[in-house]
Amino acid sequence: MSQRFSNDKFTPAYDQTLGIDYYLKRINLTRTYNVTLAINDIGGQTLGGAMLDKYIYGADIVLLVYDITNLQSFEILVV
């Protein structure tokens, strides 16, 4: 999802994020106002790790994403 959003690149095969992937997305909000989003794609196995708070420190937004066809992926977020 991060790759699709930031690079407009879709890969039909599932490719698990190992550790963390970084992306930048530039968005023109108006003719004179541009923003750059820094996107940290954190792999699911990292959620219980000691570094999680370091990855999201200072973030204005955190999105938790899970697979609706996999109950365990949701349960990991709840814990």
PDB file of N, CA and C in Angstrom:
ATOM      1  N   MET A   1       0.820  -1.192   0.000  1.00  0.00           N
ATOM      2  CA  MET A   1       0.000   0.000   0.000  1.00  0.00           C
ATOM      3  C   MET A   1       0.865   1.257   0.000  1.00  0.00           C
ATOM      4  N   SER A   2       1.915   1.228   0.768  1.00  0.00           N
ATOM      5  CA  SER A   2       2.802   2.396   0.824  1.00  0.00           C
ATOM      6  C   SER A   2       3.455   2.653  -0.519  1.00  0.00           C
ATOM      7  N   GLN A   3       3.906   1.584  -1.159  1.00  0.00           N
ATOM      8  CA  GLN A   3       4.540   1.712  -2.464  1.00  0.00           C
ATOM      9  C   GLN A   3       3.552   2.212  -3.510  1.00  0.00           C
ATOM     10  N   ARG A   4       2.337   1.713  -3.456  1.00  0.00           N
ATOM     11  CA  ARG A   4       1.302   2.146  -4.402  1.00  0.00           C
ATOM     12  C   ARG A   4       1.010   3.638  -4.217  1.00  0.00           C
ATOM     13  N   PHE A   5       0.867   4.067  -2.980  1.00  0.00           N
ATOM     14  CA  PHE A   5       0.550   5.461  -2.696  1.00  0.00           C
ATOM     15  C   PHE A   5       1.703   6.395  -3.053  1.00  0.00           C
ATOM     16  N   SER A   6       2.910   6.049  -2.645  1.00  0.00           N
ATOM     17  CA  SER A   6       4.032   6.970  -2.818  1.00  0.00           C
ATOM     18  C   SER A   6       4.646   6.946  -4.213  1.00  0.00           C
ATOM     19  N   ASN A   7       4.680   5.788  -4.860  1.00  0.00           N
ATOM     20  CA  ASN A   7       5.343   5.666  -6.165  1.00  0.00           C
ATOM     21  C   ASN A   7       4.393   5.326  -7.303  1.00  0.00           C
ATOM     22  N   ASP A   8       3.113   5.182  -6.991  1.00  0.00           N
ATOM     23  CA  ASP A   8       2.114   4.749  -7.972  1.00  0.00           C
ATOM     24  C   ASP A   8       2.561   3.456  -8.654  1.00  0.00           C
ATOM     25  N   LYS A   9       3.080   2.543  -7.845  1.00  0.00           N
ATOM     26  CA  LYS A   9       3.561   1.257  -8.336  1.00  0.00           C
ATOM     27  C   LYS A   9       2.780   0.148  -7.641  1.00  0.00           C
ATOM     28  N   PHE A  10       2.182  -0.744  -8.429  1.00  0.00           N
ATOM     29  CA  PHE A  10       1.413  -1.848  -7.868  1.00  0.00           C
ATOM     30  C   PHE A  10       2.087  -3.164  -8.212  1.00  0.00           C
ATOM     31  N   THR A  11       2.305  -3.979  -7.196  1.00  0.00           N
ATOM     32  CA  THR A  11       2.850  -5.314  -7.393  1.00  0.00           C
ATOM     33  C   THR A  11       1.788  -6.307  -6.950  1.00  0.00           C
ATOM     34  N   PRO A  12       1.256  -7.123  -7.856  1.00  0.00           N
ATOM     35  CA  PRO A  12       0.179  -8.038  -7.484  1.00  0.00           C
ATOM     36  C   PRO A  12       0.611  -9.127  -6.499  1.00  0.00           C
ATOM     37  N   ALA A  13       1.882  -9.481  -6.498  1.00  0.00           N
ATOM     38  CA  ALA A  13       2.371 -10.498  -5.565  1.00  0.00           C
ATOM     39  C   ALA A  13       2.646  -9.845  -4.211  1.00  0.00           C
ATOM     40  N   TYR A  14       2.280 -10.542  -3.136  1.00  0.00           N
ATOM     41  CA  TYR A  14       2.508 -10.032  -1.787  1.00  0.00           C
ATOM     42  C   TYR A  14       3.997 -10.037  -1.485  1.00  0.00           C
ATOM     43  N   ASP A  15       4.502  -8.928  -0.997  1.00  0.00           N
ATOM     44  CA  ASP A  15       5.910  -8.795  -0.638  1.00  0.00           C
ATOM     45  C   ASP A  15       5.969  -8.235   0.772  1.00  0.00           C
ATOM     46  N   GLN A  16       6.221  -9.095   1.756  1.00  0.00           N
ATOM     47  CA  GLN A  16       6.208  -8.696   3.154  1.00  0.00           C
ATOM     48  C   GLN A  16       7.311  -7.686   3.452  1.00  0.00           C
ATOM     49  N   THR A  17       6.957  -6.660   4.218  1.00  0.00           N
ATOM     50  CA  THR A  17       7.949  -5.684   4.662  1.00  0.00           C
ATOM     51  C   THR A  17       8.757  -6.296   5.792  1.00  0.00           C
ATOM     52  N   LEU A  18      10.059  -6.336   5.616  1.00  0.00           N
ATOM     53  CA  LEU A  18      10.954  -6.831   6.661  1.00  0.00           C
ATOM     54  C   LEU A  18      11.627  -5.628   7.298  1.00  0.00           C
ATOM     55  N   GLY A  19      11.359  -5.415   8.574  1.00  0.00           N
ATOM     56  CA  GLY A  19      11.909  -4.235   9.239  1.00  0.00           C
ATOM     57  C   GLY A  19      11.093  -3.014   8.885  1.00  0.00           C
ATOM     58  N   ILE A  20      11.710  -2.083   8.157  1.00  0.00           N
ATOM     59  CA  ILE A  20      11.028  -0.835   7.822  1.00  0.00           C
ATOM     60  C   ILE A  20      11.460  -0.362   6.434  1.00  0.00           C
ATOM     61  N   ASP A  21      10.517   0.150   5.671  1.00  0.00           N
ATOM     62  CA  ASP A  21      10.781   0.766   4.369  1.00  0.00           C
ATOM     63  C   ASP A  21      10.385   2.234   4.461  1.00  0.00           C
ATOM     64  N   TYR A  22      11.165   3.097   3.829  1.00  0.00           N
ATOM     65  CA  TYR A  22      10.914   4.536   3.846  1.00  0.00           C
ATOM     66  C   TYR A  22      10.497   5.009   2.460  1.00  0.00           C
ATOM     67  N   TYR A  23       9.496   5.878   2.418  1.00  0.00           N
ATOM     68  CA  TYR A  23       9.024   6.458   1.162  1.00  0.00           C
ATOM     69  C   TYR A  23       8.773   7.944   1.370  1.00  0.00           C
ATOM     70  N   LEU A  24       8.887   8.709   0.296  1.00  0.00           N
ATOM     71  CA  LEU A  24       8.509  10.117   0.299  1.00  0.00           C
ATOM     72  C   LEU A  24       7.442  10.328  -0.757  1.00  0.00           C
ATOM     73  N   LYS A  25       6.450  11.149  -0.436  1.00  0.00           N
ATOM     74  CA  LYS A  25       5.385  11.482  -1.381  1.00  0.00           C
ATOM     75  C   LYS A  25       5.187  12.984  -1.345  1.00  0.00           C
ATOM     76  N   ARG A  26       5.378  13.622  -2.494  1.00  0.00           N
ATOM     77  CA  ARG A  26       5.152  15.068  -2.600  1.00  0.00           C
ATOM     78  C   ARG A  26       3.740  15.306  -3.123  1.00  0.00           C
ATOM     79  N   ILE A  27       3.044  16.206  -2.456  1.00  0.00           N
ATOM     80  CA  ILE A  27       1.660  16.503  -2.813  1.00  0.00           C
ATOM     81  C   ILE A  27       1.508  18.014  -2.961  1.00  0.00           C
ATOM     82  N   ASN A  28       0.893  18.434  -4.050  1.00  0.00           N
ATOM     83  CA  ASN A  28       0.576  19.846  -4.265  1.00  0.00           C
ATOM     84  C   ASN A  28      -0.843  20.083  -3.756  1.00  0.00           C
ATOM     85  N   LEU A  29      -0.956  20.804  -2.655  1.00  0.00           N
ATOM     86  CA  LEU A  29      -2.275  21.088  -2.100  1.00  0.00           C
ATOM     87  C   LEU A  29      -2.931  22.259  -2.822  1.00  0.00           C
ATOM     88  N   THR A  30      -2.140  23.251  -3.144  1.00  0.00           N
ATOM     89  CA  THR A  30      -2.587  24.393  -3.949  1.00  0.00           C
ATOM     90  C   THR A  30      -1.438  24.737  -4.890  1.00  0.00           C
ATOM     91  N   ARG A  31      -1.620  25.768  -5.694  1.00  0.00           N
ATOM     92  CA  ARG A  31      -0.537  26.163  -6.614  1.00  0.00           C
ATOM     93  C   ARG A  31       0.720  26.601  -5.884  1.00  0.00           C
ATOM     94  N   THR A  32       0.552  27.099  -4.677  1.00  0.00           N
ATOM     95  CA  THR A  32       1.706  27.626  -3.945  1.00  0.00           C
ATOM     96  C   THR A  32       2.047  26.840  -2.682  1.00  0.00           C
ATOM     97  N   TYR A  33       1.251  25.844  -2.334  1.00  0.00           N
ATOM     98  CA  TYR A  33       1.484  25.115  -1.087  1.00  0.00           C
ATOM     99  C   TYR A  33       1.692  23.637  -1.386  1.00  0.00           C
ATOM    100  N   ASN A  34       2.915  23.184  -1.133  1.00  0.00           N
ATOM    101  CA  ASN A  34       3.278  21.792  -1.351  1.00  0.00           C
ATOM    102  C   ASN A  34       3.692  21.161  -0.030  1.00  0.00           C
ATOM    103  N   VAL A  35       3.432  19.882   0.123  1.00  0.00           N
ATOM    104  CA  VAL A  35       3.879  19.151   1.306  1.00  0.00           C
ATOM    105  C   VAL A  35       4.603  17.888   0.857  1.00  0.00           C
ATOM    106  N   THR A  36       5.492  17.430   1.703  1.00  0.00           N
ATOM    107  CA  THR A  36       6.170  16.160   1.475  1.00  0.00           C
ATOM    108  C   THR A  36       5.854  15.255   2.650  1.00  0.00           C
ATOM    109  N   LEU A  37       5.271  14.104   2.356  1.00  0.00           N
ATOM    110  CA  LEU A  37       4.956  13.130   3.390  1.00  0.00           C
ATOM    111  C   LEU A  37       6.109  12.149   3.511  1.00  0.00           C
ATOM    112  N   ALA A  38       6.560  11.909   4.720  1.00  0.00           N
ATOM    113  CA  ALA A  38       7.557  10.873   4.990  1.00  0.00           C
ATOM    114  C   ALA A  38       6.788   9.661   5.503  1.00  0.00           C
ATOM    115  N   ILE A  39       6.854   8.575   4.760  1.00  0.00           N
ATOM    116  CA  ILE A  39       6.074   7.379   5.076  1.00  0.00           C
ATOM    117  C   ILE A  39       7.024   6.287   5.545  1.00  0.00           C
ATOM    118  N   ASN A  40       6.789   5.787   6.741  1.00  0.00           N
ATOM    119  CA  ASN A  40       7.553   4.668   7.280  1.00  0.00           C
ATOM    120  C   ASN A  40       6.651   3.443   7.256  1.00  0.00           C
ATOM    121  N   ASP A  41       6.967   2.496   6.415  1.00  0.00           N
ATOM    122  CA  ASP A  41       6.200   1.254   6.314  1.00  0.00           C
ATOM    123  C   ASP A  41       6.873   0.236   7.223  1.00  0.00           C
ATOM    124  N   ILE A  42       6.217  -0.065   8.335  1.00  0.00           N
ATOM    125  CA  ILE A  42       6.794  -0.951   9.346  1.00  0.00           C
ATOM    126  C   ILE A  42       6.168  -2.328   9.193  1.00  0.00           C
ATOM    127  N   GLY A  43       7.002  -3.345   9.079  1.00  0.00           N
ATOM    128  CA  GLY A  43       6.514  -4.719   8.936  1.00  0.00           C
ATOM    129  C   GLY A  43       5.766  -5.172  10.175  1.00  0.00           C
ATOM    130  N   GLY A  44       4.789  -6.046   9.984  1.00  0.00           N
ATOM    131  CA  GLY A  44       3.964  -6.525  11.087  1.00  0.00           C
ATOM    132  C   GLY A  44       4.741  -7.196  12.197  1.00  0.00           C
ATOM    133  N   GLN A  45       5.822  -7.891  11.848  1.00  0.00           N
ATOM    134  CA  GLN A  45       6.615  -8.561  12.874  1.00  0.00           C
ATOM    135  C   GLN A  45       7.318  -7.560  13.780  1.00  0.00           C
ATOM    136  N   THR A  46       7.364  -6.299  13.390  1.00  0.00           N
ATOM    137  CA  THR A  46       8.030  -5.250  14.160  1.00  0.00           C
ATOM    138  C   THR A  46       7.118  -4.667  15.235  1.00  0.00           C
ATOM    139  N   LEU A  47       5.814  -4.921  15.151  1.00  0.00           N
ATOM    140  CA  LEU A  47       4.864  -4.278  16.060  1.00  0.00           C
ATOM    141  C   LEU A  47       5.151  -4.549  17.523  1.00  0.00           C
ATOM    142  N   GLY A  48       5.631  -5.719  17.856  1.00  0.00           N
ATOM    143  CA  GLY A  48       5.908  -6.031  19.251  1.00  0.00           C
ATOM    144  C   GLY A  48       7.325  -5.698  19.666  1.00  0.00           C
ATOM    145  N   GLY A  49       8.107  -5.163  18.766  1.00  0.00           N
ATOM    146  CA  GLY A  49       9.519  -4.917  19.033  1.00  0.00           C
ATOM    147  C   GLY A  49       9.775  -3.670  19.858  1.00  0.00           C
ATOM    148  N   ALA A  50      10.968  -3.619  20.408  1.00  0.00           N
ATOM    149  CA  ALA A  50      11.365  -2.503  21.261  1.00  0.00           C
ATOM    150  C   ALA A  50      11.572  -1.213  20.476  1.00  0.00           C
ATOM    151  N   MET A  51      11.754  -1.295  19.162  1.00  0.00           N
ATOM    152  CA  MET A  51      12.040  -0.119  18.347  1.00  0.00           C
ATOM    153  C   MET A  51      10.785   0.585  17.839  1.00  0.00           C
ATOM    154  N   LEU A  52       9.617   0.026  18.043  1.00  0.00           N
ATOM    155  CA  LEU A  52       8.394   0.603  17.482  1.00  0.00           C
ATOM    156  C   LEU A  52       8.224   2.063  17.877  1.00  0.00           C
ATOM    157  N   ASP A  53       8.426   2.379  19.143  1.00  0.00           N
ATOM    158  CA  ASP A  53       8.250   3.773  19.571  1.00  0.00           C
ATOM    159  C   ASP A  53       9.250   4.704  18.890  1.00  0.00           C
ATOM    160  N   LYS A  54      10.413   4.210  18.536  1.00  0.00           N
ATOM    161  CA  LYS A  54      11.407   5.017  17.811  1.00  0.00           C
ATOM    162  C   LYS A  54      10.953   5.288  16.382  1.00  0.00           C
ATOM    163  N   TYR A  55      10.308   4.309  15.762  1.00  0.00           N
ATOM    164  CA  TYR A  55       9.846   4.452  14.383  1.00  0.00           C
ATOM    165  C   TYR A  55       8.722   5.481  14.263  1.00  0.00           C
ATOM    166  N   ILE A  56       7.864   5.557  15.272  1.00  0.00           N
ATOM    167  CA  ILE A  56       6.698   6.437  15.167  1.00  0.00           C
ATOM    168  C   ILE A  56       6.830   7.722  15.987  1.00  0.00           C
ATOM    169  N   TYR A  57       7.961   7.915  16.666  1.00  0.00           N
ATOM    170  CA  TYR A  57       8.162   9.115  17.474  1.00  0.00           C
ATOM    171  C   TYR A  57       8.059  10.364  16.599  1.00  0.00           C
ATOM    172  N   GLY A  58       7.271  11.306  17.026  1.00  0.00           N
ATOM    173  CA  GLY A  58       7.122  12.566  16.309  1.00  0.00           C
ATOM    174  C   GLY A  58       6.150  12.518  15.143  1.00  0.00           C
ATOM    175  N   ALA A  59       5.539  11.371  14.918  1.00  0.00           N
ATOM    176  CA  ALA A  59       4.597  11.248  13.799  1.00  0.00           C
ATOM    177  C   ALA A  59       3.326  12.039  14.096  1.00  0.00           C
ATOM    178  N   ASP A  60       2.794  12.688  13.088  1.00  0.00           N
ATOM    179  CA  ASP A  60       1.519  13.384  13.221  1.00  0.00           C
ATOM    180  C   ASP A  60       0.353  12.430  13.005  1.00  0.00           C
ATOM    181  N   ILE A  61       0.586  11.383  12.217  1.00  0.00           N
ATOM    182  CA  ILE A  61      -0.459  10.394  11.922  1.00  0.00           C
ATOM    183  C   ILE A  61       0.162   9.008  11.932  1.00  0.00           C
ATOM    184  N   VAL A  62      -0.549   8.053  12.508  1.00  0.00           N
ATOM    185  CA  VAL A  62      -0.149   6.646  12.457  1.00  0.00           C
ATOM    186  C   VAL A  62      -1.348   5.859  11.958  1.00  0.00           C
ATOM    187  N   LEU A  63      -1.156   5.108  10.887  1.00  0.00           N
ATOM    188  CA  LEU A  63      -2.209   4.246  10.354  1.00  0.00           C
ATOM    189  C   LEU A  63      -1.866   2.805  10.676  1.00  0.00           C
ATOM    190  N   LEU A  64      -2.792   2.103  11.279  1.00  0.00           N
ATOM    191  CA  LEU A  64      -2.624   0.679  11.536  1.00  0.00           C
ATOM    192  C   LEU A  64      -3.466  -0.060  10.506  1.00  0.00           C
ATOM    193  N   VAL A  65      -2.817  -0.888   9.710  1.00  0.00           N
ATOM    194  CA  VAL A  65      -3.481  -1.557   8.591  1.00  0.00           C
ATOM    195  C   VAL A  65      -3.421  -3.057   8.819  1.00  0.00           C
ATOM    196  N   TYR A  66      -4.523  -3.729   8.529  1.00  0.00           N
ATOM    197  CA  TYR A  66      -4.558  -5.187   8.672  1.00  0.00           C
ATOM    198  C   TYR A  66      -5.291  -5.795   7.489  1.00  0.00           C
ATOM    199  N   ASP A  67      -5.159  -7.096   7.354  1.00  0.00           N
ATOM    200  CA  ASP A  67      -5.775  -7.855   6.270  1.00  0.00           C
ATOM    201  C   ASP A  67      -7.160  -8.320   6.724  1.00  0.00           C
ATOM    202  N   ILE A  68      -8.216  -7.861   6.071  1.00  0.00           N
ATOM    203  CA  ILE A  68      -9.572  -8.220   6.505  1.00  0.00           C
ATOM    204  C   ILE A  68      -9.872  -9.699   6.302  1.00  0.00           C
ATOM    205  N   THR A  69      -9.046 -10.407   5.553  1.00  0.00           N
ATOM    206  CA  THR A  69      -9.251 -11.848   5.367  1.00  0.00           C
ATOM    207  C   THR A  69      -8.435 -12.662   6.360  1.00  0.00           C
ATOM    208  N   ASN A  70      -7.717 -11.978   7.262  1.00  0.00           N
ATOM    209  CA  ASN A  70      -6.844 -12.664   8.207  1.00  0.00           C
ATOM    210  C   ASN A  70      -7.089 -12.094   9.604  1.00  0.00           C
ATOM    211  N   LEU A  71      -7.894 -12.792  10.395  1.00  0.00           N
ATOM    212  CA  LEU A  71      -8.247 -12.321  11.735  1.00  0.00           C
ATOM    213  C   LEU A  71      -7.008 -12.116  12.600  1.00  0.00           C
ATOM    214  N   GLN A  72      -6.017 -12.961  12.454  1.00  0.00           N
ATOM    215  CA  GLN A  72      -4.807 -12.843  13.264  1.00  0.00           C
ATOM    216  C   GLN A  72      -4.099 -11.507  13.026  1.00  0.00           C
ATOM    217  N   SER A  73      -4.138 -11.001  11.801  1.00  0.00           N
ATOM    218  CA  SER A  73      -3.483  -9.718  11.524  1.00  0.00           C
ATOM    219  C   SER A  73      -4.168  -8.586  12.296  1.00  0.00           C
ATOM    220  N   PHE A  74      -5.473  -8.688  12.514  1.00  0.00           N
ATOM    221  CA  PHE A  74      -6.185  -7.698  13.323  1.00  0.00           C
ATOM    222  C   PHE A  74      -5.873  -7.887  14.805  1.00  0.00           C
ATOM    223  N   GLU A  75      -5.860  -9.129  15.258  1.00  0.00           N
ATOM    224  CA  GLU A  75      -5.607  -9.407  16.673  1.00  0.00           C
ATOM    225  C   GLU A  75      -4.226  -8.928  17.106  1.00  0.00           C
ATOM    226  N   ILE A  76      -3.261  -8.986  16.220  1.00  0.00           N
ATOM    227  CA  ILE A  76      -1.917  -8.496  16.539  1.00  0.00           C
ATOM    228  C   ILE A  76      -1.956  -6.993  16.813  1.00  0.00           C
ATOM    229  N   LEU A  77      -2.786  -6.258  16.074  1.00  0.00           N
ATOM    230  CA  LEU A  77      -2.912  -4.811  16.293  1.00  0.00           C
ATOM    231  C   LEU A  77      -3.560  -4.500  17.630  1.00  0.00           C
ATOM    232  N   VAL A  78      -4.523  -5.311  18.032  1.00  0.00           N
ATOM    233  CA  VAL A  78      -5.262  -5.072  19.270  1.00  0.00           C
ATOM    234  C   VAL A  78      -4.360  -5.248  20.479  1.00  0.00           C
ATOM    235  N   VAL A  79      -3.451  -6.187  20.427  1.00  0.00           N
ATOM    236  CA  VAL A  79      -2.553  -6.466  21.552  1.00  0.00           C
ATOM    237  C   VAL A  79      -1.595  -5.335  21.656  1.00  0.00           C
TER     238      VAL A  79
END
